[in-house]
PDB file of all heavy atoms in Angstrom:
ATOM      1  N   HIS A   1       8.118  23.910   7.337  1.00  0.00           N
ATOM      2  CA  HIS A   1       7.691  23.743   5.948  1.00  0.00           C
ATOM      3  C   HIS A   1       6.412  22.939   5.740  1.00  0.00           C
ATOM      4  O   HIS A   1       5.937  22.753   4.629  1.00  0.00           O
ATOM      5  CB  HIS A   1       8.821  23.091   5.131  1.00  0.00           C
ATOM      6  CG  HIS A   1      10.072  23.915   5.174  1.00  0.00           C
ATOM      7  ND1 HIS A   1      10.241  25.090   4.499  1.00  0.00           N
ATOM      8  CD2 HIS A   1      11.286  23.668   5.811  1.00  0.00           C
ATOM      9  CE1 HIS A   1      11.472  25.589   4.693  1.00  0.00           C
ATOM     10  NE2 HIS A   1      12.113  24.738   5.474  1.00  0.00           N
ATOM     11  N   GLY A   2       5.857  22.390   6.857  1.00  0.00           N
ATOM     12  CA  GLY A   2       4.607  21.660   6.708  1.00  0.00           C
ATOM     13  C   GLY A   2       4.848  20.172   6.550  1.00  0.00           C
ATOM     14  O   GLY A   2       5.960  19.682   6.707  1.00  0.00           O
ATOM     15  N   PRO A   3       3.775  19.433   6.278  1.00  0.00           N
ATOM     16  CA  PRO A   3       3.858  17.932   6.256  1.00  0.00           C
ATOM     17  C   PRO A   3       4.907  17.453   5.233  1.00  0.00           C
ATOM     18  O   PRO A   3       5.141  18.069   4.186  1.00  0.00           O
ATOM     19  CB  PRO A   3       2.408  17.562   5.788  1.00  0.00           C
ATOM     20  CG  PRO A   3       1.535  18.682   6.232  1.00  0.00           C
ATOM     21  CD  PRO A   3       2.417  19.937   6.073  1.00  0.00           C
ATOM     22  N   VAL A   4       5.553  16.308   5.602  1.00  0.00           N
ATOM     23  CA  VAL A   4       6.513  15.686   4.735  1.00  0.00           C
ATOM     24  C   VAL A   4       6.243  14.207   4.591  1.00  0.00           C
ATOM     25  O   VAL A   4       5.533  13.613   5.396  1.00  0.00           O
ATOM     26  CB  VAL A   4       7.930  15.888   5.329  1.00  0.00           C
ATOM     27  CG1 VAL A   4       8.287  17.349   5.514  1.00  0.00           C
ATOM     28  CG2 VAL A   4       8.106  15.126   6.681  1.00  0.00           C
ATOM     29  N   SER A   5       6.869  13.672   3.536  1.00  0.00           N
ATOM     30  CA  SER A   5       6.910  12.224   3.413  1.00  0.00           C
ATOM     31  C   SER A   5       8.385  11.789   3.591  1.00  0.00           C
ATOM     32  O   SER A   5       9.275  12.635   3.722  1.00  0.00           O
ATOM     33  CB  SER A   5       6.413  11.779   2.083  1.00  0.00           C
ATOM     34  OG  SER A   5       7.238  12.294   1.012  1.00  0.00           O
ATOM     35  N   SER A   6       8.685  10.514   3.598  1.00  0.00           N
ATOM     36  CA  SER A   6      10.030  10.076   3.799  1.00  0.00           C
ATOM     37  C   SER A   6      10.974  10.540   2.698  1.00  0.00           C
ATOM     38  O   SER A   6      12.159  10.705   2.951  1.00  0.00           O
ATOM     39  CB  SER A   6      10.072   8.524   3.914  1.00  0.00           C
ATOM     40  OG  SER A   6       9.556   7.945   2.771  1.00  0.00           O
ATOM     41  N   SER A   7      10.449  10.778   1.488  1.00  0.00           N
ATOM     42  CA  SER A   7      11.277  11.265   0.429  1.00  0.00           C
ATOM     43  C   SER A   7      11.671  12.743   0.565  1.00  0.00           C
ATOM     44  O   SER A   7      12.573  13.196  -0.126  1.00  0.00           O
ATOM     45  CB  SER A   7      10.566  11.071  -0.925  1.00  0.00           C
ATOM     46  OG  SER A   7       9.381  11.798  -0.945  1.00  0.00           O
ATOM     47  N   ASP A   8      11.019  13.440   1.503  1.00  0.00           N
ATOM     48  CA  ASP A   8      11.359  14.835   1.649  1.00  0.00           C
ATOM     49  C   ASP A   8      12.428  15.107   2.753  1.00  0.00           C
ATOM     50  O   ASP A   8      12.854  16.214   2.877  1.00  0.00           O
ATOM     51  CB  ASP A   8      10.087  15.629   2.114  1.00  0.00           C
ATOM     52  CG  ASP A   8       8.995  15.583   1.074  1.00  0.00           C
ATOM     53  OD1 ASP A   8       9.298  15.689  -0.117  1.00  0.00           O
ATOM     54  OD2 ASP A   8       7.795  15.385   1.469  1.00  0.00           O
ATOM     55  N   VAL A   9      12.789  14.076   3.477  1.00  0.00           N
ATOM     56  CA  VAL A   9      13.764  14.265   4.600  1.00  0.00           C
ATOM     57  C   VAL A   9      15.033  13.419   4.280  1.00  0.00           C
ATOM     58  O   VAL A   9      15.027  12.451   3.532  1.00  0.00           O
ATOM     59  CB  VAL A   9      13.156  13.812   5.910  1.00  0.00           C
ATOM     60  CG1 VAL A   9      11.972  14.682   6.256  1.00  0.00           C
ATOM     61  CG2 VAL A   9      12.755  12.370   5.938  1.00  0.00           C
ATOM     62  N   GLY A  10      16.095  13.884   4.924  1.00  0.00           N
ATOM     63  CA  GLY A  10      17.371  13.124   4.809  1.00  0.00           C
ATOM     64  C   GLY A  10      17.881  13.000   3.352  1.00  0.00           C
ATOM     65  O   GLY A  10      18.427  11.987   2.973  1.00  0.00           O
ATOM     66  N   LYS A  11      17.759  14.116   2.628  1.00  0.00           N
ATOM     67  CA  LYS A  11      18.117  14.013   1.211  1.00  0.00           C
ATOM     68  C   LYS A  11      19.617  13.729   0.933  1.00  0.00           C
ATOM     69  O   LYS A  11      19.965  13.191  -0.097  1.00  0.00           O
ATOM     70  CB  LYS A  11      17.702  15.287   0.498  1.00  0.00           C
ATOM     71  CG  LYS A  11      16.186  15.479   0.361  1.00  0.00           C
ATOM     72  CD  LYS A  11      15.823  16.752  -0.392  1.00  0.00           C
ATOM     73  CE  LYS A  11      14.343  16.936  -0.470  1.00  0.00           C
ATOM     74  NZ  LYS A  11      13.672  15.880  -1.300  1.00  0.00           N
ATOM     75  N   ASP A  12      20.438  14.048   1.938  1.00  0.00           N
ATOM     76  CA  ASP A  12      21.851  13.783   1.811  1.00  0.00           C
ATOM     77  C   ASP A  12      22.322  12.514   2.439  1.00  0.00           C
ATOM     78  O   ASP A  12      23.472  12.190   2.500  1.00  0.00           O
ATOM     79  CB  ASP A  12      22.627  14.964   2.367  1.00  0.00           C
ATOM     80  CG  ASP A  12      22.352  15.193   3.842  1.00  0.00           C
ATOM     81  OD1 ASP A  12      21.344  14.670   4.348  1.00  0.00           O
ATOM     82  OD2 ASP A  12      23.129  15.900   4.503  1.00  0.00           O
ATOM     83  N   GLU A  13      21.350  11.688   2.885  1.00  0.00           N
ATOM     84  CA  GLU A  13      21.678  10.452   3.549  1.00  0.00           C
ATOM     85  C   GLU A  13      21.667   9.289   2.553  1.00  0.00           C
ATOM     86  O   GLU A  13      20.944   9.293   1.577  1.00  0.00           O
ATOM     87  CB  GLU A  13      20.636  10.176   4.669  1.00  0.00           C
ATOM     88  CG  GLU A  13      20.687  11.184   5.756  1.00  0.00           C
ATOM     89  CD  GLU A  13      19.540  11.049   6.744  1.00  0.00           C
ATOM     90  OE1 GLU A  13      18.750  10.081   6.601  1.00  0.00           O
ATOM     91  OE2 GLU A  13      19.407  11.887   7.678  1.00  0.00           O
ATOM     92  N   LYS A  14      22.506   8.264   2.863  1.00  0.00           N
ATOM     93  CA  LYS A  14      22.599   7.144   2.002  1.00  0.00           C
ATOM     94  C   LYS A  14      21.296   6.362   2.043  1.00  0.00           C
ATOM     95  O   LYS A  14      20.697   6.124   3.100  1.00  0.00           O
ATOM     96  CB  LYS A  14      23.731   6.219   2.412  1.00  0.00           C
ATOM     97  CG  LYS A  14      23.864   5.012   1.574  1.00  0.00           C
ATOM     98  CD  LYS A  14      25.052   4.115   2.088  1.00  0.00           C
ATOM     99  CE  LYS A  14      25.187   2.873   1.176  1.00  0.00           C
ATOM    100  NZ  LYS A  14      26.344   2.006   1.679  1.00  0.00           N
ATOM    101  N   ARG A  15      20.778   5.978   0.849  1.00  0.00           N
ATOM    102  CA  ARG A  15      19.537   5.255   0.777  1.00  0.00           C
ATOM    103  C   ARG A  15      19.762   3.869   0.164  1.00  0.00           C
ATOM    104  O   ARG A  15      20.618   3.733  -0.692  1.00  0.00           O
ATOM    105  CB  ARG A  15      18.508   5.966  -0.082  1.00  0.00           C
ATOM    106  CG  ARG A  15      18.106   7.342   0.543  1.00  0.00           C
ATOM    107  CD  ARG A  15      17.373   8.264  -0.344  1.00  0.00           C
ATOM    108  NE  ARG A  15      17.191   9.551   0.284  1.00  0.00           N
ATOM    109  CZ  ARG A  15      16.050   9.967   0.794  1.00  0.00           C
ATOM    110  NH1 ARG A  15      14.928   9.284   0.665  1.00  0.00           N
ATOM    111  NH2 ARG A  15      15.968  11.190   1.380  1.00  0.00           N
ATOM    112  N   GLY A  16      19.051   2.897   0.669  1.00  0.00           N
ATOM    113  CA  GLY A  16      19.228   1.524   0.226  1.00  0.00           C
ATOM    114  C   GLY A  16      18.158   1.116  -0.767  1.00  0.00           C
ATOM    115  O   GLY A  16      17.649   1.918  -1.550  1.00  0.00           O
ATOM    116  N   SER A  17      17.750  -0.141  -0.659  1.00  0.00           N
ATOM    117  CA  SER A  17      16.777  -0.699  -1.584  1.00  0.00           C
ATOM    118  C   SER A  17      15.343  -0.368  -1.273  1.00  0.00           C
ATOM    119  O   SER A  17      14.458  -0.669  -2.069  1.00  0.00           O
ATOM    120  CB  SER A  17      16.894  -2.237  -1.613  1.00  0.00           C
ATOM    121  OG  SER A  17      16.617  -2.718  -0.273  1.00  0.00           O
ATOM    122  N   GLY A  18      15.100   0.244  -0.159  1.00  0.00           N
ATOM    123  CA  GLY A  18      13.708   0.671   0.184  1.00  0.00           C
ATOM    124  C   GLY A  18      12.995  -0.263   1.158  1.00  0.00           C
ATOM    125  O   GLY A  18      11.905   0.024   1.579  1.00  0.00           O
ATOM    126  N   GLY A  19      13.591  -1.424   1.496  1.00  0.00           N
ATOM    127  CA  GLY A  19      12.928  -2.292   2.456  1.00  0.00           C
ATOM    128  C   GLY A  19      13.022  -1.744   3.836  1.00  0.00           C
ATOM    129  O   GLY A  19      13.839  -0.831   4.180  1.00  0.00           O
ATOM    130  N   TRP A  20      12.153  -2.239   4.724  1.00  0.00           N
ATOM    131  CA  TRP A  20      12.131  -1.700   6.104  1.00  0.00           C
ATOM    132  C   TRP A  20      13.448  -1.839   6.790  1.00  0.00           C
ATOM    133  O   TRP A  20      13.758  -1.055   7.717  1.00  0.00           O
ATOM    134  CB  TRP A  20      11.008  -2.419   6.888  1.00  0.00           C
ATOM    135  CG  TRP A  20      11.227  -3.861   7.116  1.00  0.00           C
ATOM    136  CD1 TRP A  20      10.767  -4.881   6.410  1.00  0.00           C
ATOM    137  CD2 TRP A  20      11.988  -4.461   8.200  1.00  0.00           C
ATOM    138  NE1 TRP A  20      11.205  -6.089   6.947  1.00  0.00           N
ATOM    139  CE2 TRP A  20      11.915  -5.836   8.067  1.00  0.00           C
ATOM    140  CE3 TRP A  20      12.715  -3.925   9.283  1.00  0.00           C
ATOM    141  CZ2 TRP A  20      12.594  -6.707   8.926  1.00  0.00           C
ATOM    142  CZ3 TRP A  20      13.345  -4.788  10.176  1.00  0.00           C
ATOM    143  CH2 TRP A  20      13.293  -6.173   9.920  1.00  0.00           C
ATOM    144  N   TRP A  21      14.213  -2.863   6.412  1.00  0.00           N
ATOM    145  CA  TRP A  21      15.522  -3.085   7.056  1.00  0.00           C
ATOM    146  C   TRP A  21      16.580  -2.089   6.565  1.00  0.00           C
ATOM    147  O   TRP A  21      17.714  -2.121   7.105  1.00  0.00           O
ATOM    148  CB  TRP A  21      15.967  -4.529   6.754  1.00  0.00           C
ATOM    149  CG  TRP A  21      16.085  -4.769   5.255  1.00  0.00           C
ATOM    150  CD1 TRP A  21      17.216  -4.555   4.483  1.00  0.00           C
ATOM    151  CD2 TRP A  21      15.072  -5.198   4.363  1.00  0.00           C
ATOM    152  NE1 TRP A  21      16.916  -4.832   3.177  1.00  0.00           N
ATOM    153  CE2 TRP A  21      15.654  -5.248   3.111  1.00  0.00           C
ATOM    154  CE3 TRP A  21      13.720  -5.587   4.564  1.00  0.00           C
ATOM    155  CZ2 TRP A  21      14.910  -5.646   2.004  1.00  0.00           C
ATOM    156  CZ3 TRP A  21      13.010  -5.980   3.467  1.00  0.00           C
ATOM    157  CH2 TRP A  21      13.602  -6.003   2.144  1.00  0.00           C
ATOM    158  N   ASP A  22      16.243  -1.303   5.605  1.00  0.00           N
ATOM    159  CA  ASP A  22      17.282  -0.440   5.060  1.00  0.00           C
ATOM    160  C   ASP A  22      16.791   1.031   4.955  1.00  0.00           C
ATOM    161  O   ASP A  22      17.154   1.760   4.058  1.00  0.00           O
ATOM    162  CB  ASP A  22      17.650  -0.899   3.625  1.00  0.00           C
ATOM    163  CG  ASP A  22      19.082  -0.519   3.253  1.00  0.00           C
ATOM    164  OD1 ASP A  22      19.786  -0.014   4.108  1.00  0.00           O
ATOM    165  OD2 ASP A  22      19.472  -0.743   2.097  1.00  0.00           O
ATOM    166  N   TRP A  23      16.011   1.446   5.927  1.00  0.00           N
ATOM    167  CA  TRP A  23      15.612   2.823   6.007  1.00  0.00           C
ATOM    168  C   TRP A  23      16.774   3.724   6.288  1.00  0.00           C
ATOM    169  O   TRP A  23      17.660   3.408   7.073  1.00  0.00           O
ATOM    170  CB  TRP A  23      14.587   3.016   7.157  1.00  0.00           C
ATOM    171  CG  TRP A  23      13.229   2.370   6.982  1.00  0.00           C
ATOM    172  CD1 TRP A  23      12.767   1.824   5.803  1.00  0.00           C
ATOM    173  CD2 TRP A  23      12.211   2.288   7.920  1.00  0.00           C
ATOM    174  NE1 TRP A  23      11.474   1.351   6.038  1.00  0.00           N
ATOM    175  CE2 TRP A  23      11.127   1.644   7.327  1.00  0.00           C
ATOM    176  CE3 TRP A  23      12.089   2.652   9.240  1.00  0.00           C
ATOM    177  CZ2 TRP A  23       9.950   1.312   7.948  1.00  0.00           C
ATOM    178  CZ3 TRP A  23      10.938   2.399   9.893  1.00  0.00           C
ATOM    179  CH2 TRP A  23       9.860   1.759   9.275  1.00  0.00           C
ATOM    180  N   HIS A  24      16.775   4.949   5.697  1.00  0.00           N
ATOM    181  CA  HIS A  24      17.820   5.925   6.024  1.00  0.00           C
ATOM    182  C   HIS A  24      17.419   6.527   7.402  1.00  0.00           C
ATOM    183  O   HIS A  24      16.276   6.459   7.861  1.00  0.00           O
ATOM    184  CB  HIS A  24      17.969   6.945   4.958  1.00  0.00           C
ATOM    185  CG  HIS A  24      16.709   7.661   4.589  1.00  0.00           C
ATOM    186  ND1 HIS A  24      16.282   8.781   5.274  1.00  0.00           N
ATOM    187  CD2 HIS A  24      15.785   7.526   3.605  1.00  0.00           C
ATOM    188  CE1 HIS A  24      15.154   9.272   4.725  1.00  0.00           C
ATOM    189  NE2 HIS A  24      14.824   8.490   3.704  1.00  0.00           N
ATOM    190  N   PRO A  25      18.386   7.165   8.079  1.00  0.00           N
ATOM    191  CA  PRO A  25      18.105   7.645   9.474  1.00  0.00           C
ATOM    192  C   PRO A  25      16.924   8.544   9.599  1.00  0.00           C
ATOM    193  O   PRO A  25      16.173   8.423  10.558  1.00  0.00           O
ATOM    194  CB  PRO A  25      19.454   8.364   9.823  1.00  0.00           C
ATOM    195  CG  PRO A  25      20.482   7.635   9.050  1.00  0.00           C
ATOM    196  CD  PRO A  25      19.805   7.301   7.723  1.00  0.00           C
ATOM    197  N   SER A  26      16.709   9.459   8.633  1.00  0.00           N
ATOM    198  CA  SER A  26      15.628  10.380   8.800  1.00  0.00           C
ATOM    199  C   SER A  26      14.262   9.726   8.580  1.00  0.00           C
ATOM    200  O   SER A  26      13.222  10.111   9.174  1.00  0.00           O
ATOM    201  CB  SER A  26      15.767  11.565   7.856  1.00  0.00           C
ATOM    202  OG  SER A  26      16.850  12.379   8.226  1.00  0.00           O
ATOM    203  N   LYS A  27      14.217   8.738   7.727  1.00  0.00           N
ATOM    204  CA  LYS A  27      12.945   7.958   7.551  1.00  0.00           C
ATOM    205  C   LYS A  27      12.688   7.197   8.854  1.00  0.00           C
ATOM    206  O   LYS A  27      11.502   7.140   9.330  1.00  0.00           O
ATOM    207  CB  LYS A  27      13.194   6.922   6.407  1.00  0.00           C
ATOM    208  CG  LYS A  27      12.243   5.749   6.357  1.00  0.00           C
ATOM    209  CD  LYS A  27      10.777   6.131   6.125  1.00  0.00           C
ATOM    210  CE  LYS A  27       9.909   4.902   5.993  1.00  0.00           C
ATOM    211  NZ  LYS A  27       8.466   5.213   5.881  1.00  0.00           N
ATOM    212  N   THR A  28      13.697   6.620   9.439  1.00  0.00           N
ATOM    213  CA  THR A  28      13.495   5.944  10.724  1.00  0.00           C
ATOM    214  C   THR A  28      13.042   6.890  11.799  1.00  0.00           C
ATOM    215  O   THR A  28      12.143   6.579  12.621  1.00  0.00           O
ATOM    216  CB  THR A  28      14.788   5.249  11.158  1.00  0.00           C
ATOM    217  OG1 THR A  28      15.250   4.450  10.103  1.00  0.00           O
ATOM    218  CG2 THR A  28      14.596   4.360  12.395  1.00  0.00           C
ATOM    219  N   ALA A  29      13.641   8.084  11.829  1.00  0.00           N
ATOM    220  CA  ALA A  29      13.182   9.080  12.751  1.00  0.00           C
ATOM    221  C   ALA A  29      11.727   9.469  12.583  1.00  0.00           C
ATOM    222  O   ALA A  29      10.976   9.633  13.596  1.00  0.00           O
ATOM    223  CB  ALA A  29      14.067  10.382  12.647  1.00  0.00           C
ATOM    224  N   LEU A  30      11.310   9.641  11.374  1.00  0.00           N
ATOM    225  CA  LEU A  30       9.890   9.893  11.086  1.00  0.00           C
ATOM    226  C   LEU A  30       9.006   8.835  11.688  1.00  0.00           C
ATOM    227  O   LEU A  30       7.984   9.146  12.327  1.00  0.00           O
ATOM    228  CB  LEU A  30       9.607  10.020   9.546  1.00  0.00           C
ATOM    229  CG  LEU A  30       9.846  11.291   8.818  1.00  0.00           C
ATOM    230  CD1 LEU A  30       9.597  11.114   7.346  1.00  0.00           C
ATOM    231  CD2 LEU A  30       8.927  12.378   9.373  1.00  0.00           C
ATOM    232  N   GLU A  31       9.313   7.603  11.392  1.00  0.00           N
ATOM    233  CA  GLU A  31       8.484   6.504  11.878  1.00  0.00           C
ATOM    234  C   GLU A  31       8.489   6.422  13.420  1.00  0.00           C
ATOM    235  O   GLU A  31       7.419   6.215  14.018  1.00  0.00           O
ATOM    236  CB  GLU A  31       9.014   5.173  11.316  1.00  0.00           C
ATOM    237  CG  GLU A  31       8.701   4.952   9.844  1.00  0.00           C
ATOM    238  CD  GLU A  31       7.216   4.694   9.617  1.00  0.00           C
ATOM    239  OE1 GLU A  31       6.644   3.748  10.191  1.00  0.00           O
ATOM    240  OE2 GLU A  31       6.605   5.413   8.800  1.00  0.00           O
ATOM    241  N   TYR A  32       9.617   6.656  14.022  1.00  0.00           N
ATOM    242  CA  TYR A  32       9.677   6.668  15.496  1.00  0.00           C
ATOM    243  C   TYR A  32       8.855   7.766  16.090  1.00  0.00           C
ATOM    244  O   TYR A  32       8.122   7.565  17.011  1.00  0.00           O
ATOM    245  CB  TYR A  32      11.129   6.745  15.928  1.00  0.00           C
ATOM    246  CG  TYR A  32      11.238   6.802  17.411  1.00  0.00           C
ATOM    247  CD1 TYR A  32      11.283   5.611  18.181  1.00  0.00           C
ATOM    248  CD2 TYR A  32      11.306   8.040  18.119  1.00  0.00           C
ATOM    249  CE1 TYR A  32      11.334   5.690  19.558  1.00  0.00           C
ATOM    250  CE2 TYR A  32      11.377   8.061  19.512  1.00  0.00           C
ATOM    251  CZ  TYR A  32      11.406   6.888  20.226  1.00  0.00           C
ATOM    252  OH  TYR A  32      11.474   6.911  21.606  1.00  0.00           O
ATOM    253  N   LEU A  33       9.003   9.001  15.551  1.00  0.00           N
ATOM    254  CA  LEU A  33       8.240  10.135  16.063  1.00  0.00           C
ATOM    255  C   LEU A  33       6.766   9.941  15.894  1.00  0.00           C
ATOM    256  O   LEU A  33       5.938  10.439  16.679  1.00  0.00           O
ATOM    257  CB  LEU A  33       8.780  11.422  15.403  1.00  0.00           C
ATOM    258  CG  LEU A  33      10.188  11.841  15.795  1.00  0.00           C
ATOM    259  CD1 LEU A  33      10.713  12.895  14.849  1.00  0.00           C
ATOM    260  CD2 LEU A  33      10.264  12.303  17.225  1.00  0.00           C
ATOM    261  N   TRP A  34       6.385   9.254  14.831  1.00  0.00           N
ATOM    262  CA  TRP A  34       4.947   8.926  14.603  1.00  0.00           C
ATOM    263  C   TRP A  34       4.449   7.892  15.616  1.00  0.00           C
ATOM    264  O   TRP A  34       3.498   8.076  16.306  1.00  0.00           O
ATOM    265  CB  TRP A  34       4.679   8.461  13.189  1.00  0.00           C
ATOM    266  CG  TRP A  34       3.418   7.765  12.994  1.00  0.00           C
ATOM    267  CD1 TRP A  34       2.166   8.247  13.285  1.00  0.00           C
ATOM    268  CD2 TRP A  34       3.193   6.480  12.370  1.00  0.00           C
ATOM    269  NE1 TRP A  34       1.205   7.333  12.914  1.00  0.00           N
ATOM    270  CE2 TRP A  34       1.818   6.248  12.385  1.00  0.00           C
ATOM    271  CE3 TRP A  34       4.038   5.507  11.875  1.00  0.00           C
ATOM    272  CZ2 TRP A  34       1.262   5.042  11.891  1.00  0.00           C
ATOM    273  CZ3 TRP A  34       3.507   4.314  11.377  1.00  0.00           C
ATOM    274  CH2 TRP A  34       2.123   4.130  11.379  1.00  0.00           C
ATOM    275  N   ARG A  35       5.182   6.815  15.745  1.00  0.00           N
ATOM    276  CA  ARG A  35       4.762   5.732  16.626  1.00  0.00           C
ATOM    277  C   ARG A  35       4.774   6.176  18.072  1.00  0.00           C
ATOM    278  O   ARG A  35       3.951   5.664  18.865  1.00  0.00           O
ATOM    279  CB  ARG A  35       5.724   4.508  16.458  1.00  0.00           C
ATOM    280  CG  ARG A  35       5.672   3.847  15.071  1.00  0.00           C
ATOM    281  CD  ARG A  35       4.498   2.933  14.906  1.00  0.00           C
ATOM    282  NE  ARG A  35       4.577   1.768  15.825  1.00  0.00           N
ATOM    283  CZ  ARG A  35       5.190   0.679  15.461  1.00  0.00           C
ATOM    284  NH1 ARG A  35       5.783   0.499  14.326  1.00  0.00           N
ATOM    285  NH2 ARG A  35       5.171  -0.339  16.368  1.00  0.00           N
ATOM    286  N   SER A  36       5.600   7.100  18.501  1.00  0.00           N
ATOM    287  CA  SER A  36       5.697   7.540  19.855  1.00  0.00           C
ATOM    288  C   SER A  36       4.835   8.794  20.142  1.00  0.00           C
ATOM    289  O   SER A  36       4.727   9.206  21.293  1.00  0.00           O
ATOM    290  CB  SER A  36       7.142   7.833  20.218  1.00  0.00           C
ATOM    291  OG  SER A  36       7.714   8.817  19.369  1.00  0.00           O
ATOM    292  N   GLY A  37       4.207   9.404  19.095  1.00  0.00           N
ATOM    293  CA  GLY A  37       3.200  10.421  19.340  1.00  0.00           C
ATOM    294  C   GLY A  37       3.546  11.821  18.976  1.00  0.00           C
ATOM    295  O   GLY A  37       2.644  12.676  18.986  1.00  0.00           O
ATOM    296  N   ALA A  38       4.792  12.167  18.643  1.00  0.00           N
ATOM    297  CA  ALA A  38       5.108  13.564  18.293  1.00  0.00           C
ATOM    298  C   ALA A  38       4.553  13.948  16.961  1.00  0.00           C
ATOM    299  O   ALA A  38       4.252  15.108  16.704  1.00  0.00           O
ATOM    300  CB  ALA A  38       6.651  13.715  18.328  1.00  0.00           C
ATOM    301  N   LEU A  39       4.433  12.972  16.074  1.00  0.00           N
ATOM    302  CA  LEU A  39       3.884  13.209  14.722  1.00  0.00           C
ATOM    303  C   LEU A  39       2.633  12.417  14.519  1.00  0.00           C
ATOM    304  O   LEU A  39       2.341  11.387  15.146  1.00  0.00           O
ATOM    305  CB  LEU A  39       4.893  12.800  13.688  1.00  0.00           C
ATOM    306  CG  LEU A  39       6.226  13.508  13.630  1.00  0.00           C
ATOM    307  CD1 LEU A  39       7.087  12.986  12.516  1.00  0.00           C
ATOM    308  CD2 LEU A  39       6.089  15.042  13.503  1.00  0.00           C
ATOM    309  N   CYS A  40       1.794  12.860  13.575  1.00  0.00           N
ATOM    310  CA  CYS A  40       0.623  12.138  13.087  1.00  0.00           C
ATOM    311  C   CYS A  40       0.743  11.937  11.590  1.00  0.00           C
ATOM    312  O   CYS A  40       1.363  12.773  10.861  1.00  0.00           O
ATOM    313  CB  CYS A  40      -0.675  12.954  13.345  1.00  0.00           C
ATOM    314  SG  CYS A  40      -1.429  12.588  14.897  1.00  0.00           S
ATOM    315  N   VAL A  41       0.259  10.848  11.104  1.00  0.00           N
ATOM    316  CA  VAL A  41       0.114  10.649   9.644  1.00  0.00           C
ATOM    317  C   VAL A  41      -1.172  11.352   9.222  1.00  0.00           C
ATOM    318  O   VAL A  41      -2.229  11.103   9.770  1.00  0.00           O
ATOM    319  CB  VAL A  41       0.071   9.166   9.270  1.00  0.00           C
ATOM    320  CG1 VAL A  41      -0.160   8.961   7.774  1.00  0.00           C
ATOM    321  CG2 VAL A  41       1.374   8.475   9.671  1.00  0.00           C
ATOM    322  N   VAL A  42      -1.086  12.233   8.238  1.00  0.00           N
ATOM    323  CA  VAL A  42      -2.206  13.053   7.859  1.00  0.00           C
ATOM    324  C   VAL A  42      -2.789  12.574   6.515  1.00  0.00           C
ATOM    325  O   VAL A  42      -3.756  13.173   6.017  1.00  0.00           O
ATOM    326  CB  VAL A  42      -1.872  14.531   7.761  1.00  0.00           C
ATOM    327  CG1 VAL A  42      -1.588  15.085   9.140  1.00  0.00           C
ATOM    328  CG2 VAL A  42      -0.659  14.768   6.858  1.00  0.00           C
ATOM    329  N   GLY A  43      -2.232  11.508   5.951  1.00  0.00           N
ATOM    330  CA  GLY A  43      -2.768  10.971   4.688  1.00  0.00           C
ATOM    331  C   GLY A  43      -1.654  10.252   3.961  1.00  0.00           C
ATOM    332  O   GLY A  43      -0.505  10.164   4.415  1.00  0.00           O
ATOM    333  N   ARG A  44      -2.040   9.729   2.766  1.00  0.00           N
ATOM    334  CA  ARG A  44      -1.022   9.034   1.970  1.00  0.00           C
ATOM    335  C   ARG A  44      -1.166   9.530   0.488  1.00  0.00           C
ATOM    336  O   ARG A  44      -2.260   9.776   0.022  1.00  0.00           O
ATOM    337  CB  ARG A  44      -1.281   7.522   2.020  1.00  0.00           C
ATOM    338  CG  ARG A  44      -0.907   6.887   3.436  1.00  0.00           C
ATOM    339  CD  ARG A  44      -1.171   5.472   3.413  1.00  0.00           C
ATOM    340  NE  ARG A  44      -0.808   4.839   4.725  1.00  0.00           N
ATOM    341  CZ  ARG A  44       0.192   3.959   4.820  1.00  0.00           C
ATOM    342  NH1 ARG A  44       0.885   3.616   3.803  1.00  0.00           N
ATOM    343  NH2 ARG A  44       0.430   3.416   6.026  1.00  0.00           N
TER     344      ARG A  44
END
């Protein structure tokens, strides 16, 4: 489906207050895949 933001993934997952300590699993997966090289950030 092309580029996504954290709001586009894990829609059925429990979400918290939005702080870094309360990321939902798919948001954490996005960040990990970016930091380790599988993904790139293409803009904001």
